[in-house]
Amino acid sequence: MGYSAHDELPKSFQDFIIAYAAEKVAAKTETNIWSGVTANAGEFDGFETLLATDANLPAAQEVTGTTITAGNVVDEIAKVVDAIPNRLFKEDLCIYIPISVYRLYVRAQAALGFVDRFNNQDMGDVMFDGVKLVVCPGMSDDTMICTVKGNFYFGTGLMSDHNEVKVIDMSDIDGSDNVRLVMKMTAAVQYAFSEDVVTYGIVNSAN
């Protein structure tokens, strides 16, 4: 905090520290949700990791991936749609895609003369063959996952686990001019029915 007559931590700065930390944690949590690996410090198994070892995932719903480009992105997304069982075509059916696939899809549409279609849309309004494309920054490049929204779950041990943060002014504890930030939480993801999932670019070691 430095040597000064004003040696108390301003509330506005506390708020800044909390907001800054929360933003970083939220970004990391987004990555964990999709591509996290429990073996890595500070991570939990994400959907990609769970699906890669699920023997109950139907082989016909595991689409082999490739390097996606603006030239093949439409065909690759179409492969995912073709692998979706008819029973899953409901209002909340989504194809979850990484930012890289979204960017390439927009570029491919622009090349076809449909750029104006995206100028007045945000990333949550894009459809493909009647299926909503949901952009997920935490997903790995060249992967896609399709299922109904209600099939995916994110959970914490307690409601407070994911929104409690402490800023500790150490001057009253050890006389130092330091400030410490503490955030503790538990979290995990899971899905209910693997037979209601279509994957792209995720190699399943169990099948």
N, C-alpha and C. Protein backbone atom coordinates (compact mmCIF):
# COMPACT_ATOMS: atom_id res chain seq x y z
N MET A 1 0.81 -1.21 0.00
CA MET A 1 0.00 0.00 0.00
C MET A 1 0.84 1.26 0.00
N GLY A 2 2.12 1.12 0.40
CA GLY A 2 3.03 2.27 0.37
C GLY A 2 2.95 3.11 1.63
N TYR A 3 3.97 3.92 1.86
CA TYR A 3 4.04 4.76 3.05
C TYR A 3 3.24 6.03 2.81
N SER A 4 2.22 6.25 3.64
CA SER A 4 1.36 7.41 3.48
C SER A 4 0.56 7.62 4.75
N ALA A 5 0.12 8.86 4.95
CA ALA A 5 -0.76 9.14 6.08
C ALA A 5 -2.12 8.50 5.85
N HIS A 6 -2.46 8.28 4.57
CA HIS A 6 -3.73 7.64 4.23
C HIS A 6 -3.46 6.14 4.03
N ASP A 7 -3.44 5.39 5.14
CA ASP A 7 -3.02 4.00 5.09
C ASP A 7 -4.17 3.01 5.20
N GLU A 8 -5.37 3.45 4.91
CA GLU A 8 -6.51 2.56 4.89
C GLU A 8 -6.89 2.27 3.44
N LEU A 9 -7.31 1.06 3.22
CA LEU A 9 -7.65 0.64 1.86
C LEU A 9 -8.98 1.27 1.45
N PRO A 10 -9.00 2.12 0.41
CA PRO A 10 -10.25 2.74 -0.02
C PRO A 10 -11.25 1.69 -0.50
N LYS A 11 -12.51 1.90 -0.17
CA LYS A 11 -13.54 0.94 -0.58
C LYS A 11 -13.61 0.82 -2.09
N SER A 12 -13.40 1.92 -2.81
CA SER A 12 -13.46 1.88 -4.26
C SER A 12 -12.38 0.96 -4.83
N PHE A 13 -11.20 0.94 -4.17
CA PHE A 13 -10.13 0.07 -4.63
C PHE A 13 -10.44 -1.39 -4.28
N GLN A 14 -11.07 -1.62 -3.14
CA GLN A 14 -11.51 -2.96 -2.80
C GLN A 14 -12.47 -3.49 -3.86
N ASP A 15 -13.41 -2.64 -4.24
CA ASP A 15 -14.37 -3.04 -5.26
C ASP A 15 -13.68 -3.36 -6.58
N PHE A 16 -12.64 -2.57 -6.91
CA PHE A 16 -11.90 -2.81 -8.14
C PHE A 16 -11.18 -4.16 -8.07
N ILE A 17 -10.55 -4.46 -6.95
CA ILE A 17 -9.82 -5.72 -6.81
C ILE A 17 -10.78 -6.90 -6.96
N ILE A 18 -11.94 -6.80 -6.30
CA ILE A 18 -12.92 -7.88 -6.36
C ILE A 18 -13.43 -8.06 -7.79
N ALA A 19 -13.75 -6.96 -8.45
CA ALA A 19 -14.26 -7.04 -9.82
C ALA A 19 -13.21 -7.62 -10.76
N TYR A 20 -11.97 -7.20 -10.58
CA TYR A 20 -10.88 -7.68 -11.43
C TYR A 20 -10.68 -9.19 -11.25
N ALA A 21 -10.65 -9.61 -9.97
CA ALA A 21 -10.46 -11.03 -9.69
C ALA A 21 -11.65 -11.85 -10.20
N ALA A 22 -12.85 -11.35 -10.00
CA ALA A 22 -14.04 -12.07 -10.44
C ALA A 22 -14.04 -12.26 -11.96
N GLU A 23 -13.59 -11.25 -12.68
CA GLU A 23 -13.51 -11.35 -14.14
C GLU A 23 -12.54 -12.45 -14.57
N LYS A 24 -11.39 -12.50 -13.90
CA LYS A 24 -10.39 -13.53 -14.22
C LYS A 24 -10.90 -14.92 -13.87
N VAL A 25 -11.54 -15.04 -12.71
CA VAL A 25 -12.07 -16.33 -12.29
C VAL A 25 -13.18 -16.79 -13.22
N ALA A 26 -14.03 -15.86 -13.64
CA ALA A 26 -15.12 -16.21 -14.54
C ALA A 26 -14.58 -16.74 -15.87
N ALA A 27 -13.52 -16.10 -16.38
CA ALA A 27 -12.92 -16.55 -17.64
C ALA A 27 -12.32 -17.94 -17.49
N LYS A 28 -11.65 -18.18 -16.36
CA LYS A 28 -11.06 -19.50 -16.12
C LYS A 28 -12.14 -20.55 -15.93
N THR A 29 -13.22 -20.18 -15.24
CA THR A 29 -14.31 -21.12 -15.04
C THR A 29 -14.96 -21.51 -16.36
N GLU A 30 -15.11 -20.54 -17.27
CA GLU A 30 -15.67 -20.82 -18.60
C GLU A 30 -14.81 -21.85 -19.32
N THR A 31 -13.49 -21.70 -19.22
CA THR A 31 -12.60 -22.68 -19.84
C THR A 31 -12.73 -24.04 -19.18
N ASN A 32 -12.79 -24.06 -17.84
CA ASN A 32 -12.95 -25.32 -17.11
C ASN A 32 -14.23 -26.04 -17.50
N ILE A 33 -15.31 -25.29 -17.65
CA ILE A 33 -16.61 -25.90 -17.96
C ILE A 33 -16.53 -26.74 -19.23
N TRP A 34 -15.77 -26.30 -20.19
CA TRP A 34 -15.72 -27.01 -21.47
C TRP A 34 -14.49 -27.88 -21.63
N SER A 35 -13.32 -27.38 -21.31
CA SER A 35 -12.10 -28.14 -21.62
C SER A 35 -11.20 -28.37 -20.41
N GLY A 36 -11.73 -28.17 -19.21
CA GLY A 36 -10.93 -28.37 -18.01
C GLY A 36 -10.55 -29.83 -17.79
N VAL A 37 -9.45 -30.04 -17.06
CA VAL A 37 -8.97 -31.38 -16.73
C VAL A 37 -8.62 -31.40 -15.25
N THR A 38 -9.24 -32.30 -14.50
CA THR A 38 -9.05 -32.34 -13.05
C THR A 38 -7.58 -32.47 -12.66
N ALA A 39 -6.79 -33.17 -13.48
CA ALA A 39 -5.38 -33.38 -13.17
C ALA A 39 -4.59 -32.08 -13.14
N ASN A 40 -5.10 -31.04 -13.77
CA ASN A 40 -4.43 -29.74 -13.78
C ASN A 40 -4.86 -28.94 -12.56
N ALA A 41 -3.91 -28.26 -11.93
CA ALA A 41 -4.20 -27.47 -10.73
C ALA A 41 -5.26 -26.41 -11.03
N GLY A 42 -6.25 -26.31 -10.16
CA GLY A 42 -7.28 -25.29 -10.31
C GLY A 42 -8.33 -25.59 -11.36
N GLU A 43 -8.40 -26.83 -11.84
CA GLU A 43 -9.37 -27.18 -12.87
C GLU A 43 -10.24 -28.35 -12.43
N PHE A 44 -11.37 -28.49 -13.10
CA PHE A 44 -12.22 -29.67 -12.97
C PHE A 44 -12.53 -30.19 -14.36
N ASP A 45 -12.93 -31.44 -14.46
CA ASP A 45 -13.20 -32.02 -15.77
C ASP A 45 -14.35 -31.30 -16.46
N GLY A 46 -14.08 -30.80 -17.66
CA GLY A 46 -15.11 -30.13 -18.44
C GLY A 46 -15.88 -31.11 -19.30
N PHE A 47 -16.85 -30.61 -20.03
CA PHE A 47 -17.68 -31.47 -20.86
C PHE A 47 -16.87 -32.22 -21.91
N GLU A 48 -15.90 -31.56 -22.52
CA GLU A 48 -15.07 -32.24 -23.52
C GLU A 48 -14.34 -33.42 -22.90
N THR A 49 -13.78 -33.23 -21.71
CA THR A 49 -13.04 -34.28 -21.03
C THR A 49 -13.95 -35.43 -20.63
N LEU A 50 -15.13 -35.12 -20.12
CA LEU A 50 -16.07 -36.15 -19.70
C LEU A 50 -16.56 -36.97 -20.90
N LEU A 51 -16.87 -36.30 -21.99
CA LEU A 51 -17.38 -36.99 -23.17
C LEU A 51 -16.31 -37.84 -23.84
N ALA A 52 -15.06 -37.48 -23.67
CA ALA A 52 -13.96 -38.21 -24.31
C ALA A 52 -13.71 -39.57 -23.67
N THR A 53 -14.35 -39.84 -22.53
CA THR A 53 -14.16 -41.13 -21.84
C THR A 53 -15.49 -41.81 -21.53
N ASP A 54 -16.55 -41.41 -22.21
CA ASP A 54 -17.88 -41.95 -21.93
C ASP A 54 -18.21 -43.07 -22.91
N ALA A 55 -18.23 -44.30 -22.40
CA ALA A 55 -18.51 -45.46 -23.25
C ALA A 55 -19.97 -45.51 -23.68
N ASN A 56 -20.84 -44.77 -23.01
CA ASN A 56 -22.26 -44.79 -23.35
C ASN A 56 -22.63 -43.82 -24.47
N LEU A 57 -21.68 -43.02 -24.90
CA LEU A 57 -21.94 -42.10 -26.01
C LEU A 57 -22.02 -42.89 -27.31
N PRO A 58 -23.16 -42.86 -28.00
CA PRO A 58 -23.31 -43.65 -29.23
C PRO A 58 -22.25 -43.29 -30.26
N ALA A 59 -21.63 -44.31 -30.82
CA ALA A 59 -20.57 -44.10 -31.80
C ALA A 59 -21.07 -43.32 -33.02
N ALA A 60 -22.34 -43.52 -33.39
CA ALA A 60 -22.90 -42.83 -34.55
C ALA A 60 -23.04 -41.33 -34.31
N GLN A 61 -22.95 -40.92 -33.04
CA GLN A 61 -23.09 -39.51 -32.70
C GLN A 61 -21.74 -38.86 -32.37
N GLU A 62 -20.66 -39.56 -32.72
CA GLU A 62 -19.32 -39.03 -32.55
C GLU A 62 -18.77 -38.70 -33.94
N VAL A 63 -18.83 -37.44 -34.30
CA VAL A 63 -18.40 -37.01 -35.62
C VAL A 63 -16.89 -36.75 -35.61
N THR A 64 -16.20 -37.38 -36.53
CA THR A 64 -14.75 -37.18 -36.64
C THR A 64 -14.45 -35.76 -37.07
N GLY A 65 -13.55 -35.11 -36.37
CA GLY A 65 -13.24 -33.72 -36.65
C GLY A 65 -12.07 -33.55 -37.60
N THR A 66 -11.88 -32.32 -38.03
CA THR A 66 -10.75 -31.94 -38.86
C THR A 66 -10.42 -30.49 -38.55
N THR A 67 -9.39 -29.96 -39.17
CA THR A 67 -9.09 -28.54 -39.00
C THR A 67 -10.14 -27.73 -39.75
N ILE A 68 -10.90 -26.93 -39.01
CA ILE A 68 -12.00 -26.19 -39.62
C ILE A 68 -11.49 -24.89 -40.23
N THR A 69 -11.93 -24.62 -41.45
CA THR A 69 -11.56 -23.40 -42.17
C THR A 69 -12.83 -22.73 -42.68
N ALA A 70 -12.67 -21.53 -43.22
CA ALA A 70 -13.81 -20.85 -43.81
C ALA A 70 -14.36 -21.62 -45.01
N GLY A 71 -13.51 -22.44 -45.62
CA GLY A 71 -13.93 -23.20 -46.78
C GLY A 71 -14.72 -24.45 -46.46
N ASN A 72 -14.55 -25.00 -45.24
CA ASN A 72 -15.26 -26.25 -44.92
C ASN A 72 -16.19 -26.13 -43.72
N VAL A 73 -16.26 -24.95 -43.09
CA VAL A 73 -17.01 -24.83 -41.84
C VAL A 73 -18.49 -25.18 -42.01
N VAL A 74 -19.09 -24.80 -43.12
CA VAL A 74 -20.51 -25.10 -43.34
C VAL A 74 -20.72 -26.61 -43.43
N ASP A 75 -19.86 -27.29 -44.18
CA ASP A 75 -19.98 -28.74 -44.31
C ASP A 75 -19.75 -29.45 -42.98
N GLU A 76 -18.82 -28.94 -42.17
CA GLU A 76 -18.51 -29.60 -40.90
C GLU A 76 -19.65 -29.43 -39.89
N ILE A 77 -20.24 -28.24 -39.84
CA ILE A 77 -21.40 -28.05 -38.96
C ILE A 77 -22.56 -28.93 -39.43
N ALA A 78 -22.69 -29.06 -40.75
CA ALA A 78 -23.76 -29.89 -41.32
C ALA A 78 -23.60 -31.35 -40.88
N LYS A 79 -22.37 -31.82 -40.73
CA LYS A 79 -22.14 -33.19 -40.27
C LYS A 79 -22.70 -33.39 -38.87
N VAL A 80 -22.56 -32.36 -38.04
CA VAL A 80 -23.11 -32.43 -36.68
C VAL A 80 -24.63 -32.51 -36.74
N VAL A 81 -25.24 -31.65 -37.54
CA VAL A 81 -26.71 -31.65 -37.67
C VAL A 81 -27.20 -33.00 -38.19
N ASP A 82 -26.49 -33.57 -39.15
CA ASP A 82 -26.90 -34.86 -39.72
C ASP A 82 -26.84 -35.99 -38.69
N ALA A 83 -25.99 -35.83 -37.67
CA ALA A 83 -25.83 -36.89 -36.66
C ALA A 83 -26.81 -36.74 -35.49
N ILE A 84 -27.62 -35.67 -35.48
CA ILE A 84 -28.55 -35.44 -34.38
C ILE A 84 -29.76 -36.37 -34.52
N PRO A 85 -30.08 -37.17 -33.50
CA PRO A 85 -31.29 -38.00 -33.55
C PRO A 85 -32.54 -37.13 -33.66
N ASN A 86 -33.53 -37.61 -34.39
CA ASN A 86 -34.74 -36.83 -34.61
C ASN A 86 -35.43 -36.42 -33.30
N ARG A 87 -35.32 -37.25 -32.27
CA ARG A 87 -36.02 -36.96 -31.02
C ARG A 87 -35.47 -35.72 -30.31
N LEU A 88 -34.26 -35.28 -30.69
CA LEU A 88 -33.65 -34.13 -30.03
C LEU A 88 -34.01 -32.80 -30.68
N PHE A 89 -34.70 -32.83 -31.80
CA PHE A 89 -35.05 -31.58 -32.46
C PHE A 89 -36.18 -30.91 -31.69
N LYS A 90 -35.75 -30.12 -30.69
CA LYS A 90 -36.67 -29.39 -29.83
C LYS A 90 -36.26 -27.92 -29.81
N GLU A 91 -37.06 -27.12 -29.15
CA GLU A 91 -36.81 -25.68 -29.14
C GLU A 91 -35.47 -25.33 -28.49
N ASP A 92 -35.04 -26.12 -27.49
CA ASP A 92 -33.81 -25.78 -26.77
C ASP A 92 -32.60 -26.56 -27.27
N LEU A 93 -32.70 -27.13 -28.47
CA LEU A 93 -31.55 -27.83 -29.06
C LEU A 93 -30.50 -26.81 -29.49
N CYS A 94 -29.25 -27.05 -29.13
CA CYS A 94 -28.16 -26.12 -29.45
C CYS A 94 -26.93 -26.87 -29.94
N ILE A 95 -26.16 -26.19 -30.77
CA ILE A 95 -24.82 -26.67 -31.11
C ILE A 95 -23.85 -25.68 -30.46
N TYR A 96 -23.07 -26.17 -29.51
CA TYR A 96 -22.10 -25.32 -28.82
C TYR A 96 -20.81 -25.30 -29.63
N ILE A 97 -20.33 -24.10 -29.94
CA ILE A 97 -19.15 -23.96 -30.80
C ILE A 97 -18.16 -22.99 -30.17
N PRO A 98 -16.86 -23.18 -30.45
CA PRO A 98 -15.86 -22.21 -29.96
C PRO A 98 -15.88 -20.94 -30.79
N ILE A 99 -15.24 -19.92 -30.30
CA ILE A 99 -15.19 -18.64 -31.02
C ILE A 99 -14.58 -18.82 -32.41
N SER A 100 -13.58 -19.68 -32.52
CA SER A 100 -12.91 -19.87 -33.82
C SER A 100 -13.89 -20.36 -34.89
N VAL A 101 -14.77 -21.28 -34.53
CA VAL A 101 -15.74 -21.80 -35.50
C VAL A 101 -16.76 -20.72 -35.86
N TYR A 102 -17.17 -19.94 -34.86
CA TYR A 102 -18.12 -18.86 -35.14
C TYR A 102 -17.52 -17.85 -36.12
N ARG A 103 -16.29 -17.46 -35.90
CA ARG A 103 -15.64 -16.48 -36.78
C ARG A 103 -15.54 -17.01 -38.21
N LEU A 104 -15.18 -18.28 -38.33
CA LEU A 104 -15.05 -18.87 -39.66
C LEU A 104 -16.41 -19.00 -40.34
N TYR A 105 -17.44 -19.28 -39.55
CA TYR A 105 -18.79 -19.39 -40.12
C TYR A 105 -19.27 -18.03 -40.65
N VAL A 106 -19.03 -16.98 -39.86
CA VAL A 106 -19.40 -15.63 -40.31
C VAL A 106 -18.65 -15.27 -41.58
N ARG A 107 -17.37 -15.61 -41.63
CA ARG A 107 -16.57 -15.32 -42.83
C ARG A 107 -17.10 -16.08 -44.04
N ALA A 108 -17.48 -17.35 -43.82
CA ALA A 108 -18.02 -18.15 -44.92
C ALA A 108 -19.33 -17.57 -45.43
N GLN A 109 -20.16 -17.08 -44.51
CA GLN A 109 -21.43 -16.48 -44.91
C GLN A 109 -21.20 -15.17 -45.67
N ALA A 110 -20.19 -14.42 -45.24
CA ALA A 110 -19.86 -13.18 -45.93
C ALA A 110 -19.42 -13.46 -47.36
N ALA A 111 -18.66 -14.53 -47.55
CA ALA A 111 -18.20 -14.90 -48.89
C ALA A 111 -19.37 -15.28 -49.80
N LEU A 112 -20.47 -15.73 -49.16
CA LEU A 112 -21.66 -16.10 -49.92
C LEU A 112 -22.61 -14.93 -50.10
N GLY A 113 -22.22 -13.76 -49.56
CA GLY A 113 -23.04 -12.56 -49.72
C GLY A 113 -24.06 -12.34 -48.63
N PHE A 114 -23.93 -13.08 -47.49
CA PHE A 114 -24.91 -12.96 -46.43
C PHE A 114 -24.39 -12.15 -45.24
N VAL A 115 -23.39 -11.30 -45.43
CA VAL A 115 -22.78 -10.58 -44.32
C VAL A 115 -23.79 -9.71 -43.59
N ASP A 116 -24.75 -9.12 -44.31
CA ASP A 116 -25.73 -8.25 -43.67
C ASP A 116 -26.58 -8.99 -42.65
N ARG A 117 -26.69 -10.29 -42.81
CA ARG A 117 -27.48 -11.08 -41.89
C ARG A 117 -26.89 -11.04 -40.48
N PHE A 118 -25.59 -10.85 -40.38
CA PHE A 118 -24.92 -10.88 -39.08
C PHE A 118 -24.67 -9.50 -38.51
N ASN A 119 -24.81 -8.46 -39.32
CA ASN A 119 -24.52 -7.11 -38.84
C ASN A 119 -25.44 -6.66 -37.72
N ASN A 120 -26.67 -7.14 -37.73
CA ASN A 120 -27.65 -6.73 -36.72
C ASN A 120 -27.97 -7.86 -35.75
N GLN A 121 -27.08 -8.85 -35.65
CA GLN A 121 -27.28 -9.96 -34.74
C GLN A 121 -26.12 -10.05 -33.77
N ASP A 122 -26.40 -10.54 -32.56
CA ASP A 122 -25.29 -10.86 -31.67
C ASP A 122 -25.00 -12.36 -31.78
N MET A 123 -24.02 -12.82 -31.04
CA MET A 123 -23.60 -14.20 -31.18
C MET A 123 -24.63 -15.20 -30.67
N GLY A 124 -25.66 -14.71 -30.01
CA GLY A 124 -26.67 -15.62 -29.49
C GLY A 124 -27.86 -15.83 -30.40
N ASP A 125 -27.82 -15.22 -31.59
CA ASP A 125 -28.97 -15.29 -32.49
C ASP A 125 -28.69 -16.02 -33.79
N VAL A 126 -27.58 -16.72 -33.88
CA VAL A 126 -27.19 -17.37 -35.13
C VAL A 126 -27.77 -18.79 -35.18
N MET A 127 -28.39 -19.12 -36.32
CA MET A 127 -28.99 -20.44 -36.51
C MET A 127 -28.30 -21.17 -37.66
N PHE A 128 -28.38 -22.49 -37.63
CA PHE A 128 -27.87 -23.32 -38.73
C PHE A 128 -28.86 -24.46 -38.92
N ASP A 129 -29.49 -24.52 -40.06
CA ASP A 129 -30.49 -25.57 -40.34
C ASP A 129 -31.53 -25.67 -39.22
N GLY A 130 -31.92 -24.53 -38.67
CA GLY A 130 -32.93 -24.52 -37.63
C GLY A 130 -32.42 -24.81 -36.24
N VAL A 131 -31.11 -25.01 -36.09
CA VAL A 131 -30.51 -25.29 -34.78
C VAL A 131 -29.70 -24.07 -34.34
N LYS A 132 -29.87 -23.65 -33.11
CA LYS A 132 -29.17 -22.47 -32.61
C LYS A 132 -27.70 -22.77 -32.37
N LEU A 133 -26.82 -21.87 -32.81
CA LEU A 133 -25.39 -21.97 -32.53
C LEU A 133 -25.08 -21.12 -31.31
N VAL A 134 -24.50 -21.73 -30.30
CA VAL A 134 -24.16 -21.04 -29.06
C VAL A 134 -22.65 -20.95 -28.96
N VAL A 135 -22.12 -19.73 -28.91
CA VAL A 135 -20.68 -19.51 -28.88
C VAL A 135 -20.17 -19.63 -27.44
N CYS A 136 -19.17 -20.48 -27.25
CA CYS A 136 -18.61 -20.74 -25.92
C CYS A 136 -17.10 -20.49 -25.95
N PRO A 137 -16.64 -19.38 -25.38
CA PRO A 137 -15.21 -19.05 -25.43
C PRO A 137 -14.30 -20.11 -24.81
N GLY A 138 -14.82 -20.93 -23.91
CA GLY A 138 -13.98 -21.91 -23.24
C GLY A 138 -13.76 -23.19 -24.00
N MET A 139 -14.42 -23.36 -25.13
CA MET A 139 -14.28 -24.60 -25.90
C MET A 139 -12.98 -24.62 -26.68
N SER A 140 -12.48 -25.82 -26.91
CA SER A 140 -11.27 -25.99 -27.72
C SER A 140 -11.59 -25.73 -29.19
N ASP A 141 -10.60 -25.25 -29.93
CA ASP A 141 -10.77 -25.05 -31.36
C ASP A 141 -11.09 -26.38 -32.04
N ASP A 142 -11.83 -26.30 -33.13
CA ASP A 142 -12.15 -27.47 -33.95
C ASP A 142 -12.97 -28.52 -33.21
N THR A 143 -13.76 -28.09 -32.24
CA THR A 143 -14.67 -29.00 -31.56
C THR A 143 -16.07 -28.41 -31.61
N MET A 144 -17.08 -29.26 -31.48
CA MET A 144 -18.47 -28.85 -31.36
C MET A 144 -19.20 -29.89 -30.52
N ILE A 145 -20.20 -29.44 -29.79
CA ILE A 145 -21.03 -30.34 -28.99
C ILE A 145 -22.48 -29.92 -29.19
N CYS A 146 -23.33 -30.89 -29.43
CA CYS A 146 -24.75 -30.60 -29.64
C CYS A 146 -25.59 -31.39 -28.63
N THR A 147 -26.52 -30.70 -27.99
CA THR A 147 -27.48 -31.34 -27.09
C THR A 147 -28.55 -30.33 -26.74
N VAL A 148 -29.54 -30.74 -25.99
CA VAL A 148 -30.55 -29.80 -25.49
C VAL A 148 -29.99 -29.13 -24.24
N LYS A 149 -30.39 -27.89 -23.99
CA LYS A 149 -29.83 -27.12 -22.88
C LYS A 149 -30.01 -27.82 -21.54
N GLY A 150 -31.16 -28.45 -21.36
CA GLY A 150 -31.45 -29.06 -20.07
C GLY A 150 -30.63 -30.29 -19.76
N ASN A 151 -29.80 -30.73 -20.69
CA ASN A 151 -28.98 -31.92 -20.47
C ASN A 151 -27.66 -31.60 -19.78
N PHE A 152 -27.26 -30.33 -19.76
CA PHE A 152 -25.99 -29.91 -19.18
C PHE A 152 -26.21 -29.21 -17.85
N TYR A 153 -25.33 -29.50 -16.90
CA TYR A 153 -25.46 -28.92 -15.56
C TYR A 153 -24.13 -28.38 -15.07
N PHE A 154 -24.21 -27.26 -14.35
CA PHE A 154 -23.06 -26.70 -13.63
C PHE A 154 -23.46 -26.60 -12.18
N GLY A 155 -22.62 -27.11 -11.30
CA GLY A 155 -22.99 -27.12 -9.88
C GLY A 155 -21.86 -26.68 -8.97
N THR A 156 -22.26 -26.15 -7.81
CA THR A 156 -21.31 -25.81 -6.75
C THR A 156 -21.80 -26.44 -5.46
N GLY A 157 -20.90 -26.56 -4.48
CA GLY A 157 -21.27 -27.18 -3.21
C GLY A 157 -22.36 -26.40 -2.50
N LEU A 158 -22.22 -25.10 -2.46
CA LEU A 158 -23.20 -24.21 -1.84
C LEU A 158 -23.33 -22.96 -2.69
N MET A 159 -24.43 -22.26 -2.56
CA MET A 159 -24.62 -21.05 -3.36
C MET A 159 -23.50 -20.05 -3.12
N SER A 160 -23.01 -19.97 -1.88
CA SER A 160 -21.97 -18.99 -1.56
C SER A 160 -20.59 -19.38 -2.07
N ASP A 161 -20.45 -20.66 -2.47
CA ASP A 161 -19.13 -21.11 -2.90
C ASP A 161 -18.62 -20.34 -4.11
N HIS A 162 -19.55 -19.88 -4.93
CA HIS A 162 -19.10 -19.28 -6.18
C HIS A 162 -19.26 -17.76 -6.21
N ASN A 163 -19.57 -17.15 -5.09
CA ASN A 163 -19.67 -15.69 -5.11
C ASN A 163 -19.12 -15.05 -3.84
N GLU A 164 -18.33 -15.81 -3.08
CA GLU A 164 -17.74 -15.26 -1.86
C GLU A 164 -16.28 -14.91 -2.11
N VAL A 165 -15.90 -13.70 -1.78
CA VAL A 165 -14.53 -13.25 -1.95
C VAL A 165 -14.17 -12.32 -0.79
N LYS A 166 -12.93 -12.40 -0.36
CA LYS A 166 -12.50 -11.57 0.77
C LYS A 166 -11.26 -10.78 0.39
N VAL A 167 -11.25 -9.51 0.76
CA VAL A 167 -10.07 -8.66 0.63
C VAL A 167 -9.58 -8.39 2.06
N ILE A 168 -8.36 -8.79 2.35
CA ILE A 168 -7.83 -8.69 3.71
C ILE A 168 -6.71 -7.65 3.75
N ASP A 169 -6.90 -6.63 4.53
CA ASP A 169 -5.87 -5.61 4.77
C ASP A 169 -4.95 -6.16 5.85
N MET A 170 -3.71 -6.48 5.48
CA MET A 170 -2.78 -7.16 6.40
C MET A 170 -2.15 -6.21 7.42
N SER A 171 -2.40 -4.92 7.32
CA SER A 171 -1.75 -3.98 8.24
C SER A 171 -2.16 -4.22 9.69
N ASP A 172 -3.40 -4.65 9.92
CA ASP A 172 -3.86 -4.91 11.28
C ASP A 172 -3.47 -6.30 11.77
N ILE A 173 -2.93 -7.11 10.89
CA ILE A 173 -2.60 -8.49 11.25
C ILE A 173 -1.11 -8.68 11.48
N ASP A 174 -0.29 -8.23 10.52
CA ASP A 174 1.16 -8.41 10.67
C ASP A 174 1.93 -7.10 10.50
N GLY A 175 1.20 -5.99 10.42
CA GLY A 175 1.87 -4.70 10.33
C GLY A 175 2.40 -4.36 8.95
N SER A 176 2.18 -5.22 7.98
CA SER A 176 2.70 -4.97 6.63
C SER A 176 1.76 -4.04 5.86
N ASP A 177 2.24 -3.59 4.72
CA ASP A 177 1.42 -2.75 3.85
C ASP A 177 0.81 -3.56 2.71
N ASN A 178 0.58 -4.83 2.97
CA ASN A 178 0.08 -5.73 1.93
C ASN A 178 -1.44 -5.91 2.01
N VAL A 179 -2.01 -6.26 0.89
CA VAL A 179 -3.42 -6.60 0.81
C VAL A 179 -3.53 -7.98 0.17
N ARG A 180 -4.32 -8.84 0.76
CA ARG A 180 -4.48 -10.19 0.22
C ARG A 180 -5.92 -10.41 -0.23
N LEU A 181 -6.04 -11.14 -1.32
CA LEU A 181 -7.35 -11.47 -1.87
C LEU A 181 -7.55 -12.98 -1.74
N VAL A 182 -8.68 -13.38 -1.18
CA VAL A 182 -8.98 -14.78 -0.97
C VAL A 182 -10.28 -15.13 -1.66
N MET A 183 -10.26 -16.19 -2.46
CA MET A 183 -11.48 -16.70 -3.08
C MET A 183 -11.42 -18.22 -3.08
N LYS A 184 -12.39 -18.84 -2.46
CA LYS A 184 -12.44 -20.30 -2.39
C LYS A 184 -13.78 -20.77 -2.95
N MET A 185 -13.74 -21.88 -3.68
CA MET A 185 -14.98 -22.38 -4.28
C MET A 185 -14.83 -23.84 -4.66
N THR A 186 -15.95 -24.49 -4.86
CA THR A 186 -16.00 -25.82 -5.46
C THR A 186 -16.94 -25.75 -6.65
N ALA A 187 -16.65 -26.50 -7.69
CA ALA A 187 -17.51 -26.47 -8.87
C ALA A 187 -17.28 -27.74 -9.70
N ALA A 188 -18.27 -28.07 -10.51
CA ALA A 188 -18.16 -29.22 -11.42
C ALA A 188 -19.26 -29.13 -12.46
N VAL A 189 -19.10 -29.88 -13.54
CA VAL A 189 -20.14 -29.98 -14.56
C VAL A 189 -20.48 -31.44 -14.78
N GLN A 190 -21.66 -31.67 -15.32
CA GLN A 190 -22.09 -33.03 -15.65
C GLN A 190 -23.26 -32.95 -16.62
N TYR A 191 -23.51 -34.05 -17.31
CA TYR A 191 -24.68 -34.13 -18.19
C TYR A 191 -25.51 -35.34 -17.77
N ALA A 192 -26.79 -35.29 -18.11
CA ALA A 192 -27.71 -36.33 -17.66
C ALA A 192 -27.70 -37.56 -18.57
N PHE A 193 -27.78 -37.32 -19.89
CA PHE A 193 -27.94 -38.43 -20.84
C PHE A 193 -26.92 -38.32 -21.96
N SER A 194 -25.96 -39.22 -21.98
CA SER A 194 -24.94 -39.18 -23.03
C SER A 194 -25.53 -39.52 -24.39
N GLU A 195 -26.62 -40.28 -24.41
CA GLU A 195 -27.24 -40.62 -25.70
C GLU A 195 -27.94 -39.42 -26.35
N ASP A 196 -28.02 -38.32 -25.60
CA ASP A 196 -28.62 -37.10 -26.14
C ASP A 196 -27.55 -36.08 -26.53
N VAL A 197 -26.34 -36.55 -26.77
CA VAL A 197 -25.22 -35.67 -27.10
C VAL A 197 -24.60 -36.09 -28.43
N VAL A 198 -24.27 -35.10 -29.24
CA VAL A 198 -23.50 -35.32 -30.46
C VAL A 198 -22.19 -34.55 -30.31
N THR A 199 -21.09 -35.20 -30.58
CA THR A 199 -19.78 -34.53 -30.46
C THR A 199 -19.12 -34.42 -31.81
N TYR A 200 -18.26 -33.41 -31.92
CA TYR A 200 -17.44 -33.22 -33.13
C TYR A 200 -16.02 -32.93 -32.69
N GLY A 201 -15.07 -33.67 -33.23
CA GLY A 201 -13.66 -33.42 -32.95
C GLY A 201 -13.20 -33.86 -31.58
N ILE A 202 -14.01 -34.64 -30.87
CA ILE A 202 -13.63 -35.15 -29.55
C ILE A 202 -13.42 -36.65 -29.68
N VAL A 203 -12.18 -37.08 -29.53
CA VAL A 203 -11.86 -38.50 -29.68
C VAL A 203 -12.25 -39.23 -28.40
N ASN A 204 -13.13 -40.21 -28.53
CA ASN A 204 -13.62 -40.97 -27.38
C ASN A 204 -12.77 -42.21 -27.18
N SER A 205 -11.99 -42.22 -26.13
CA SER A 205 -11.09 -43.33 -25.88
C SER A 205 -11.83 -44.57 -25.36
N ALA A 206 -13.09 -44.40 -24.98
CA ALA A 206 -13.87 -45.52 -24.43
C ALA A 206 -14.63 -46.28 -25.51
N ASN A 207 -14.70 -45.73 -26.71
CA ASN A 207 -15.44 -46.41 -27.81
C ASN A 207 -14.48 -46.86 -28.89
